[in-house]
Protein backbone atom coordinates (compact mmCIF):
# COMPACT_ATOMS: atom_id res chain seq x y z
CA MET A 1 -0.10 -0.15 0.01
CA LYS A 2 1.08 3.59 -1.13
CA ILE A 3 1.45 6.15 1.95
CA SER A 4 -0.48 9.06 1.13
CA ALA A 5 1.03 12.45 1.71
CA TYR A 6 -2.20 13.39 2.67
CA LEU A 7 -2.57 10.69 5.52
CA ILE A 8 0.88 12.15 6.72
CA LYS A 9 -0.09 15.61 7.15
CA SER A 10 -3.52 14.65 8.69
CA ALA A 11 -1.52 12.37 11.04
CA LEU A 12 1.11 14.92 12.05
CA VAL A 13 -1.80 17.36 12.49
CA GLY A 14 -3.49 15.23 14.79
CA ALA A 15 -0.82 14.62 16.78
CA LEU A 16 0.20 18.16 17.18
CA GLY A 17 -2.39 17.93 20.01
CA GLY A 18 0.15 15.71 21.64
CA LEU A 19 3.09 18.45 21.43
CA LEU A 20 0.59 21.21 23.16
CA PHE A 21 -0.43 18.45 25.58
CA GLY A 22 3.14 18.15 26.63
CA PHE A 23 4.34 21.76 25.92
CA ASP A 24 1.14 23.22 28.38
CA THR A 25 1.75 20.55 31.23
CA ALA A 26 5.52 20.88 31.35
CA VAL A 27 6.06 24.61 31.03
CA ILE A 28 4.77 25.43 34.82
CA ALA A 29 7.98 24.12 35.78
CA GLY A 30 9.74 27.05 34.91
CA THR A 31 7.33 29.55 36.61
CA THR A 32 6.63 27.56 39.98
CA HIS A 33 9.33 29.57 42.06
CA GLN A 34 8.24 33.05 40.81
CA LEU A 35 4.55 32.52 41.04
CA SER A 36 5.43 31.65 44.47
CA GLN A 37 6.98 34.62 45.35
CA VAL A 38 4.81 36.92 43.17
CA TYR A 39 1.37 35.55 44.53
CA HIS A 40 3.00 34.53 48.04
CA LEU A 41 1.71 30.95 47.69
CA THR A 42 1.73 28.39 50.18
CA PRO A 43 2.75 25.01 49.44
CA THR A 44 -1.10 24.22 49.80
CA THR A 45 -1.73 27.15 47.00
CA LEU A 46 1.30 26.34 44.75
CA GLY A 47 0.09 22.51 44.73
CA LEU A 48 -3.37 23.47 43.76
CA THR A 49 -2.27 26.00 41.00
CA VAL A 50 -0.44 23.27 39.38
CA SER A 51 -3.00 20.50 40.02
CA ILE A 52 -5.84 22.51 39.41
CA ALA A 53 -4.81 21.91 35.38
CA LEU A 54 -5.02 18.14 35.87
CA TRP A 55 -8.10 18.62 37.27
CA GLY A 56 -9.11 19.89 34.37
CA THR A 57 -7.83 17.12 32.14
CA VAL A 58 -9.67 14.79 34.10
CA ILE A 59 -12.79 16.29 32.96
CA GLY A 60 -11.47 16.99 29.45
CA ALA A 61 -10.59 13.39 29.01
CA MET A 62 -14.23 12.11 30.51
CA PHE A 63 -16.20 14.23 28.46
CA SER A 64 -14.54 14.89 25.07
CA GLY A 65 -15.21 11.24 23.99
CA MET A 66 -18.93 12.12 23.88
CA LEU A 67 -18.19 15.50 22.13
CA GLY A 68 -16.24 13.61 19.29
CA GLN A 69 -18.87 11.06 18.65
CA ARG A 70 -21.62 14.18 18.47
CA MET A 71 -19.57 16.54 16.00
CA GLY A 72 -16.52 14.41 14.66
CA GLY A 73 -12.57 14.56 15.90
CA ARG A 74 -11.64 17.30 13.83
CA GLU A 75 -14.30 19.80 14.95
CA ALA A 76 -13.69 18.74 19.01
CA LEU A 77 -9.81 19.38 18.37
CA ARG A 78 -10.59 22.42 16.78
CA ILE A 79 -12.44 23.51 20.31
CA MET A 80 -9.38 22.04 22.08
CA ALA A 81 -7.44 24.33 20.14
CA VAL A 82 -9.55 27.14 21.13
CA LEU A 83 -9.29 26.48 24.82
CA TYR A 84 -5.42 25.82 24.43
CA SER A 85 -5.48 29.36 23.06
CA ILE A 86 -7.63 30.89 25.57
CA SER A 87 -5.52 29.41 28.73
CA ALA A 88 -1.99 30.46 27.48
CA ILE A 89 -3.28 34.02 26.69
CA GLY A 90 -5.25 34.21 29.91
CA CYS A 91 -2.80 32.99 31.88
CA ALA A 92 0.03 35.49 30.44
CA PHE A 93 -2.28 38.41 31.05
CA ALA A 94 -3.75 36.71 34.45
CA TRP A 95 -4.66 39.82 36.37
CA SER A 96 -4.97 37.80 40.07
CA TRP A 97 -4.03 34.53 41.67
CA PRO A 98 -7.77 33.15 41.03
CA ALA A 99 -7.76 34.12 37.42
CA LEU A 100 -4.62 32.38 36.70
CA VAL A 101 -5.82 29.07 38.42
CA VAL A 102 -8.91 29.72 36.16
CA PHE A 103 -7.29 29.84 33.21
CA ARG A 104 -4.85 27.02 33.84
CA PHE A 105 -8.08 24.82 34.37
CA ILE A 106 -9.29 25.60 30.95
CA GLY A 107 -6.12 24.49 29.78
CA GLY A 108 -6.68 21.54 31.41
CA LEU A 109 -9.73 20.48 29.38
CA GLY A 110 -7.82 20.90 26.39
CA VAL A 111 -5.21 18.52 27.55
CA GLY A 112 -7.71 16.38 28.40
CA GLY A 113 -9.74 16.19 25.34
CA SER A 114 -6.78 16.10 23.26
CA SER A 115 -5.05 13.27 24.81
CA VAL A 116 -8.20 11.33 24.06
CA LEU A 117 -9.65 12.73 20.66
CA GLY A 118 -5.97 12.88 19.10
CA PRO A 119 -4.75 9.30 19.10
CA VAL A 120 -8.78 8.19 18.04
CA TYR A 121 -8.53 10.50 15.29
CA ILE A 122 -5.64 9.42 13.79
CA ALA A 123 -6.20 5.67 14.45
CA GLU A 124 -9.84 6.03 12.50
CA LEU A 125 -7.76 7.45 9.52
CA ALA A 126 -4.66 5.19 9.43
CA PRO A 127 -4.42 2.11 7.84
CA ALA A 128 -4.18 -1.30 10.00
CA LYS A 129 -0.67 -1.65 8.90
CA LEU A 130 0.24 1.90 9.64
CA ARG A 131 -1.85 2.32 12.62
CA GLY A 132 0.77 1.84 15.49
CA ARG A 133 3.23 3.86 13.95
CA LEU A 134 0.84 6.83 12.88
CA VAL A 135 -0.71 6.84 16.38
CA GLY A 136 2.76 6.61 18.14
CA LEU A 137 3.34 9.93 16.45
CA PHE A 138 1.28 11.45 19.35
CA GLN A 139 3.30 10.19 22.19
CA ILE A 140 6.58 11.43 20.43
CA ASN A 141 4.93 14.78 19.70
CA LEU A 142 3.92 15.18 23.59
CA VAL A 143 7.50 14.40 24.42
CA VAL A 144 8.63 16.85 22.21
CA GLY A 145 6.27 19.26 23.63
CA ILE A 146 7.85 18.84 27.09
CA LEU A 147 11.31 19.44 25.59
CA LEU A 148 10.46 22.35 23.92
CA ALA A 149 8.42 24.00 27.20
CA TYR A 150 12.06 23.24 28.79
CA PHE A 151 13.77 24.55 26.39
CA SER A 152 11.85 27.77 25.94
CA ASN A 153 11.80 28.42 29.28
CA PHE A 154 15.40 28.34 29.36
CA MET A 155 15.50 30.42 26.47
CA ILE A 156 13.20 33.14 28.21
CA GLY A 157 14.95 32.88 31.20
CA ARG A 158 18.15 34.56 29.42
CA LEU A 159 16.22 37.29 28.69
CA ASN A 160 16.32 38.68 32.03
CA LEU A 161 12.68 39.96 31.96
CA GLY A 162 12.14 40.26 35.81
CA THR A 163 8.63 39.65 36.94
CA LEU A 164 7.52 39.42 33.26
CA GLU A 165 9.31 36.15 32.97
CA TRP A 166 6.38 33.94 34.11
CA ARG A 167 3.87 35.54 32.13
CA VAL A 168 5.75 34.88 28.74
CA GLU A 169 6.87 31.39 29.79
CA LEU A 170 3.06 30.54 30.06
CA GLY A 171 1.89 32.76 27.10
CA MET A 172 4.49 31.23 24.79
CA ALA A 173 2.15 28.23 24.43
CA ALA A 174 -0.41 30.31 22.49
CA LEU A 175 2.10 30.00 19.14
CA PRO A 176 1.45 26.16 18.94
CA ALA A 177 -1.73 26.43 20.02
CA ILE A 178 -2.84 29.13 16.90
CA LEU A 179 -0.62 27.14 14.70
CA PHE A 180 -2.67 23.89 15.65
CA LEU A 181 -6.19 25.48 15.10
CA ILE A 182 -4.88 27.12 11.65
CA MET A 183 -3.72 23.76 10.50
CA LEU A 184 -7.05 21.79 11.41
CA PHE A 185 -8.87 23.80 9.04
CA GLY A 186 -6.69 21.68 6.14
CA ILE A 187 -7.72 17.97 7.27
CA PRO A 188 -10.56 15.86 6.66
CA ARG A 189 -13.39 14.45 9.00
CA SER A 190 -12.61 10.82 9.50
CA SER A 191 -13.97 8.09 7.53
CA ARG A 192 -14.95 6.20 10.37
CA TRP A 193 -17.13 8.91 12.02
CA LEU A 194 -18.60 9.98 8.31
CA VAL A 195 -19.78 6.55 7.97
CA THR A 196 -21.44 6.84 11.81
CA GLN A 197 -23.35 9.86 10.05
CA ASN A 198 -24.31 7.97 7.27
CA ARG A 199 -22.47 10.05 4.91
CA ILE A 200 -21.09 7.00 3.02
CA ASP A 201 -20.14 8.90 -0.15
CA GLU A 202 -17.92 11.08 1.66
CA ALA A 203 -16.29 8.56 3.86
CA ARG A 204 -15.67 6.71 0.66
CA GLU A 205 -13.45 9.97 -0.85
CA VAL A 206 -11.65 10.47 2.68
CA LEU A 207 -10.31 6.48 1.97
CA VAL A 208 -9.21 7.56 -1.81
CA MET A 209 -7.47 10.63 -0.29
CA MET A 210 -5.81 8.15 2.24
CA GLY A 211 -4.51 6.01 -0.36
CA SER A 212 -6.65 3.02 0.28
CA PRO A 213 -6.17 0.45 -2.13
CA ASP A 214 -9.64 -0.70 -1.94
CA SER A 215 -11.97 1.89 -0.67
CA TYR A 216 -14.83 0.10 -0.95
CA ALA A 217 -13.86 -3.01 0.87
CA GLU A 218 -12.22 -1.05 3.63
CA LEU A 219 -15.42 0.92 3.64
CA ARG A 220 -17.50 -2.45 4.07
CA GLU A 221 -15.07 -3.39 7.28
CA ILE A 222 -15.83 0.11 8.98
CA THR A 223 -19.55 -0.36 8.41
CA ASP A 224 -19.23 -4.12 9.73
CA SER A 225 -17.39 -2.94 12.99
CA ILE A 226 -19.91 0.14 13.57
CA HIS A 227 -22.53 -2.28 13.62
CA LEU A 228 -20.71 -4.76 16.03
CA GLU A 229 -19.74 -2.03 18.18
CA ARG A 230 -23.45 -0.81 18.35
CA SER A 231 -24.94 -4.29 19.10
CA ALA A 232 -21.98 -4.65 22.32
CA LYS A 233 -22.70 -1.04 23.48
CA SER A 234 -25.22 -2.44 26.42
CA GLU A 235 -22.20 -4.75 27.89
CA PRO A 236 -21.07 -3.43 31.06
CA LEU A 237 -17.67 -3.24 32.39
CA PHE A 238 -18.01 -3.87 36.18
CA ARG A 239 -18.93 -7.90 36.01
CA TRP A 240 -17.10 -9.99 37.77
CA LYS A 241 -15.47 -11.93 34.93
CA TYR A 242 -13.63 -8.40 33.85
CA ARG A 243 -11.80 -8.31 37.78
CA LEU A 244 -8.56 -9.04 36.18
CA PRO A 245 -8.50 -6.81 33.56
CA ILE A 246 -9.77 -3.88 35.44
CA PHE A 247 -6.99 -4.24 37.95
CA LEU A 248 -4.38 -4.50 35.57
CA ALA A 249 -5.91 -1.00 33.64
CA VAL A 250 -6.48 0.86 37.09
CA THR A 251 -3.20 -0.37 38.85
CA ILE A 252 -1.03 0.43 35.56
CA GLY A 253 -2.52 3.85 35.54
CA MET A 254 -1.87 4.67 39.15
CA PHE A 255 1.56 3.34 39.33
CA ASN A 256 2.10 5.49 36.14
CA GLN A 257 2.09 8.34 38.45
CA LEU A 258 3.20 6.90 41.78
CA SER A 259 6.57 6.50 40.22
CA GLY A 260 6.28 10.66 40.50
CA ILE A 261 7.18 11.09 36.78
CA ASN A 262 4.26 14.11 36.37
CA ALA A 263 5.24 15.59 39.79
CA ILE A 264 8.76 15.65 38.89
CA LEU A 265 8.49 17.35 35.66
CA TYR A 266 6.21 19.80 36.95
CA TYR A 267 8.46 20.79 39.66
CA LEU A 268 11.45 19.87 38.02
CA ASN A 269 13.18 23.65 38.38
CA ASP A 270 12.32 23.62 42.28
CA ILE A 271 13.90 20.39 42.62
CA PHE A 272 17.21 21.68 41.03
CA LEU A 273 16.74 25.01 43.18
CA ALA A 274 16.50 22.79 46.65
CA ALA A 275 19.57 21.13 45.51
CA GLY A 276 21.47 24.30 45.52
CA PHE A 277 21.47 25.05 41.78
CA SER A 278 21.24 28.46 40.17
CA LYS A 279 17.92 29.06 38.41
CA MET A 280 19.60 29.42 34.74
CA SER A 281 21.52 25.92 35.77
CA GLY A 282 18.33 24.37 36.96
CA GLU A 283 16.65 25.39 33.54
CA LEU A 284 19.49 24.16 31.69
CA GLN A 285 19.44 20.71 33.45
CA ALA A 286 15.83 20.43 32.53
CA VAL A 287 16.54 20.64 29.29
CA LEU A 288 18.88 17.78 29.33
CA VAL A 289 16.39 16.06 31.17
CA GLY A 290 13.49 16.55 28.29
CA ALA A 291 16.08 15.53 26.18
CA MET A 292 16.48 12.06 27.62
CA ASN A 293 12.72 11.91 27.74
CA LEU A 294 12.62 12.23 24.00
CA LEU A 295 15.51 9.37 23.45
CA ALA A 296 14.25 6.76 25.45
CA THR A 297 10.61 6.98 24.28
CA LEU A 298 11.99 6.52 20.56
CA LEU A 299 14.04 3.65 21.80
CA ALA A 300 11.35 2.00 23.83
CA MET A 301 8.83 2.23 20.73
CA SER A 302 11.59 0.48 18.51
CA VAL A 303 11.84 -2.42 21.25
CA ILE A 304 8.54 -2.79 22.99
CA ASP A 305 7.46 -5.76 20.58
CA ARG A 306 10.47 -7.40 20.73
CA ILE A 307 11.46 -7.59 24.18
CA GLY A 308 7.78 -7.34 25.72
CA ARG A 309 5.63 -4.89 28.08
CA LYS A 310 6.13 -7.22 31.41
CA THR A 311 10.05 -7.50 31.31
CA LEU A 312 10.25 -3.58 30.51
CA LEU A 313 7.95 -2.68 33.67
CA LEU A 314 10.05 -5.17 35.73
CA VAL A 315 13.06 -3.40 34.39
CA GLY A 316 11.91 -0.01 35.00
CA SER A 317 10.61 -0.37 38.54
CA VAL A 318 14.03 -1.69 39.53
CA GLY A 319 15.89 1.20 37.41
CA THR A 320 13.13 3.64 38.56
CA ALA A 321 13.47 2.65 42.23
CA ALA A 322 17.30 2.87 42.67
CA CYS A 323 17.57 6.46 40.86
CA LEU A 324 15.02 7.61 43.22
CA PHE A 325 16.49 6.31 46.60
CA GLY A 326 19.72 7.89 45.44
CA VAL A 327 17.83 11.34 44.70
CA ALA A 328 16.31 10.82 48.25
CA HIS A 329 19.93 10.46 49.72
CA ILE A 330 21.53 13.18 48.26
CA PHE A 331 18.43 15.55 49.87
CA PHE A 332 18.51 14.04 53.13
CA THR A 333 22.73 13.93 53.52
CA HIS A 334 23.12 17.13 50.96
CA ASN A 335 26.26 15.05 49.46
CA HIS A 336 26.85 14.54 46.20
CA VAL A 337 24.58 16.81 44.67
CA GLU A 338 26.96 16.61 41.59
CA TYR A 339 24.75 13.31 40.72
CA LEU A 340 21.50 14.94 41.00
CA LEU A 341 21.10 15.32 37.29
CA TRP A 342 22.67 11.79 35.93
CA LEU A 343 20.00 10.24 38.81
CA LEU A 344 16.97 12.13 37.28
CA VAL A 345 18.36 11.73 33.75
CA GLY A 346 18.63 7.84 34.57
CA TYR A 347 14.88 8.23 35.98
CA ILE A 348 13.59 9.52 33.27
CA ALA A 349 15.22 6.62 30.54
CA PHE A 350 14.08 3.87 33.00
CA PHE A 351 10.70 5.60 33.05
CA ALA A 352 10.27 5.81 29.54
CA ILE A 353 11.39 2.75 28.32
CA SER A 354 8.93 1.20 30.71
CA GLN A 355 5.85 2.78 32.05
CA GLY A 356 5.88 5.80 29.58
CA ALA A 357 6.03 3.38 26.58
CA VAL A 358 3.80 0.36 28.03
CA ILE A 359 0.79 1.97 29.44
CA TRP A 360 -1.32 2.79 26.82
CA VAL A 361 -0.42 -0.57 24.81
CA TYR A 362 -1.44 -2.41 27.80
CA ILE A 363 -4.51 -0.74 28.75
CA SER A 364 -5.68 -1.19 25.01
CA GLU A 365 -4.58 -5.06 25.04
CA VAL A 366 -5.92 -7.04 28.27
CA PHE A 367 -9.97 -6.26 27.71
CA PRO A 368 -11.83 -7.65 24.91
CA THR A 369 -13.53 -5.61 21.96
CA ARG A 370 -16.93 -5.27 23.38
CA VAL A 371 -15.58 -3.47 26.23
CA ARG A 372 -12.45 -1.77 25.22
CA SER A 373 -13.16 1.77 24.81
CA LYS A 374 -14.76 1.78 28.83
CA GLY A 375 -11.72 -0.45 29.88
CA GLN A 376 -9.44 2.46 28.19
CA SER A 377 -11.77 5.55 29.84
CA LEU A 378 -11.00 3.49 33.16
CA GLY A 379 -7.38 3.29 32.88
CA SER A 380 -7.17 6.87 31.78
CA SER A 381 -9.08 7.91 34.52
CA SER A 382 -7.24 6.43 37.16
CA HIS A 383 -4.06 8.00 35.64
CA TRP A 384 -5.36 11.82 35.56
CA VAL A 385 -6.86 11.24 38.93
CA MET A 386 -3.83 10.16 40.35
CA ASN A 387 -1.57 12.71 38.51
CA ALA A 388 -3.59 15.69 40.23
CA LEU A 389 -3.52 13.81 43.49
CA ILE A 390 0.05 13.75 43.53
CA SER A 391 1.04 16.83 41.89
CA GLY A 392 -1.10 18.74 43.97
CA ILE A 393 0.43 17.21 47.49
CA PHE A 394 4.07 17.12 46.46
CA PRO A 395 5.15 20.57 47.60
CA LEU A 396 3.43 19.37 51.11
CA MET A 397 5.62 16.04 50.98
CA ALA A 398 8.89 18.17 49.88
CA LYS A 399 8.07 20.60 52.83
CA SER A 400 9.70 19.04 55.87
CA SER A 401 12.16 17.55 53.60
CA SER A 402 13.01 17.26 49.71
CA GLY A 403 13.66 13.85 50.11
CA VAL A 404 10.62 12.65 51.40
CA PRO A 405 8.53 12.29 48.03
CA PHE A 406 11.49 10.61 46.40
CA VAL A 407 11.32 8.08 49.25
CA PHE A 408 7.55 7.62 48.64
CA PHE A 409 8.08 7.46 44.77
CA GLY A 410 10.86 4.60 45.34
CA ALA A 411 8.65 2.70 47.67
CA MET A 412 6.03 2.65 45.16
CA MET A 413 7.93 1.46 42.53
CA VAL A 414 9.29 -1.39 44.62
CA LEU A 415 5.32 -2.34 45.31
CA GLN A 416 4.85 -2.03 41.29
CA PHE A 417 7.69 -4.51 41.05
CA PHE A 418 6.31 -7.43 42.99
CA VAL A 419 2.51 -6.55 41.56
CA VAL A 420 3.97 -6.73 37.67
CA LEU A 421 5.86 -9.71 38.44
CA LEU A 422 3.27 -11.91 40.37
CA VAL A 423 0.02 -10.50 38.74
CA TYR A 424 0.71 -8.95 35.13
CA PRO A 425 0.43 -11.32 32.35
CA GLU A 426 2.97 -10.80 29.32
CA THR A 427 1.06 -9.76 26.19
CA LYS A 428 3.99 -9.65 23.61
CA GLY A 429 3.06 -11.74 20.44
CA VAL A 430 -0.35 -12.95 22.11
CA SER A 431 -3.39 -12.80 20.42
CA LEU A 432 -6.13 -10.76 21.94
CA GLU A 433 -8.46 -13.95 21.48
CA GLN A 434 -5.76 -15.87 23.32
CA LEU A 435 -5.28 -13.16 25.78
CA GLN A 436 -8.61 -13.24 26.70
CA HIS A 437 -8.37 -17.04 27.72
CA THR A 438 -5.52 -16.53 29.44
CA LEU A 439 -7.31 -13.51 31.44
CA GLY A 440 -10.43 -16.09 32.46
CA ILE A 441 -12.36 -14.07 29.95
CA GLU A 442 -15.10 -16.26 28.52
């Protein structure tokens, strides 16, 4: 099958939501110290300032699926782009702390919505043979967005803008948001959504533009699968036979955040400041951490089908725990501070090749087709709720000693090792039908 340039363009635009997702969530790292001074934030209000966007993300992720079904992924993504733009501009011109919190919540709605709508839009456009790699563009763009946020903060920090610095850093997200909105007017609706609206001729035209070698046959497959899904809609998720898949989806979502990954990414500059590094040095080191995140994510995507999900999770648990305990030791003893950067770089590498790469693949594999979308929603919700909770209480955990959160995160990774070792099945190279038998699903 030939790869259509129109398909690549549409997938890249859809994946831009991932870049905004990463940029919007990580850019806060460069502003927390100055925001604490400007608005006299306590650990509690600083935690709320960071986590409020994540509570918006939870809500955005919960309701964006219904929005996408009603109006189509492309139109729903345009709404997310508008929310991103309003949030970035609003944060830049926030006239008070409550206003800043409101605009960050609006940005969170965009993040949550795009985290659901972007991958689904790409998956609905992509042919089966290319789906994994094209949907993977979203994850890659997410990590690129995190790196760009750290780099943007570093470059803005060199301009000596004084009290305007945090406003410019948060407002910078408006540039990719507006670009995203403009580019969304140059891509088609997904053929799958068009079929659900009985716009069959338009759906076939889109399939032809995407490079389908047999648009009529593919259209029949889409129609048949939609009929099958509609007939299975009444299947409830919370049944005794689904207890193991539910446990796997909820725990992998929770452990993803109990590793401390997002709290560390959001408060990275504060972590370096607490260790005694200068503001500029901390921002530069954040860029290095973001670069390792990108490299390790690319590596993980190339080996996940060869090494296996369970093996990667076990290796990642050991590696992240060792690095986290190392960071805790530095903060408790105030010795060997020069190793902090390398321990955090190592931590990011172990996380990216394990939890970062495995979570969404694993959740999509452990549920049968008839409840897969509900299962993915459950796993995603456990991930985002835990993210909001951890990010909100991180400053409180670090109040007595900056080493305390890292001991907790390290202990959670030790717990994850044994849960994965004893409970998680390996899904590498196993058909979804065989996996259902392994999980005891009739």
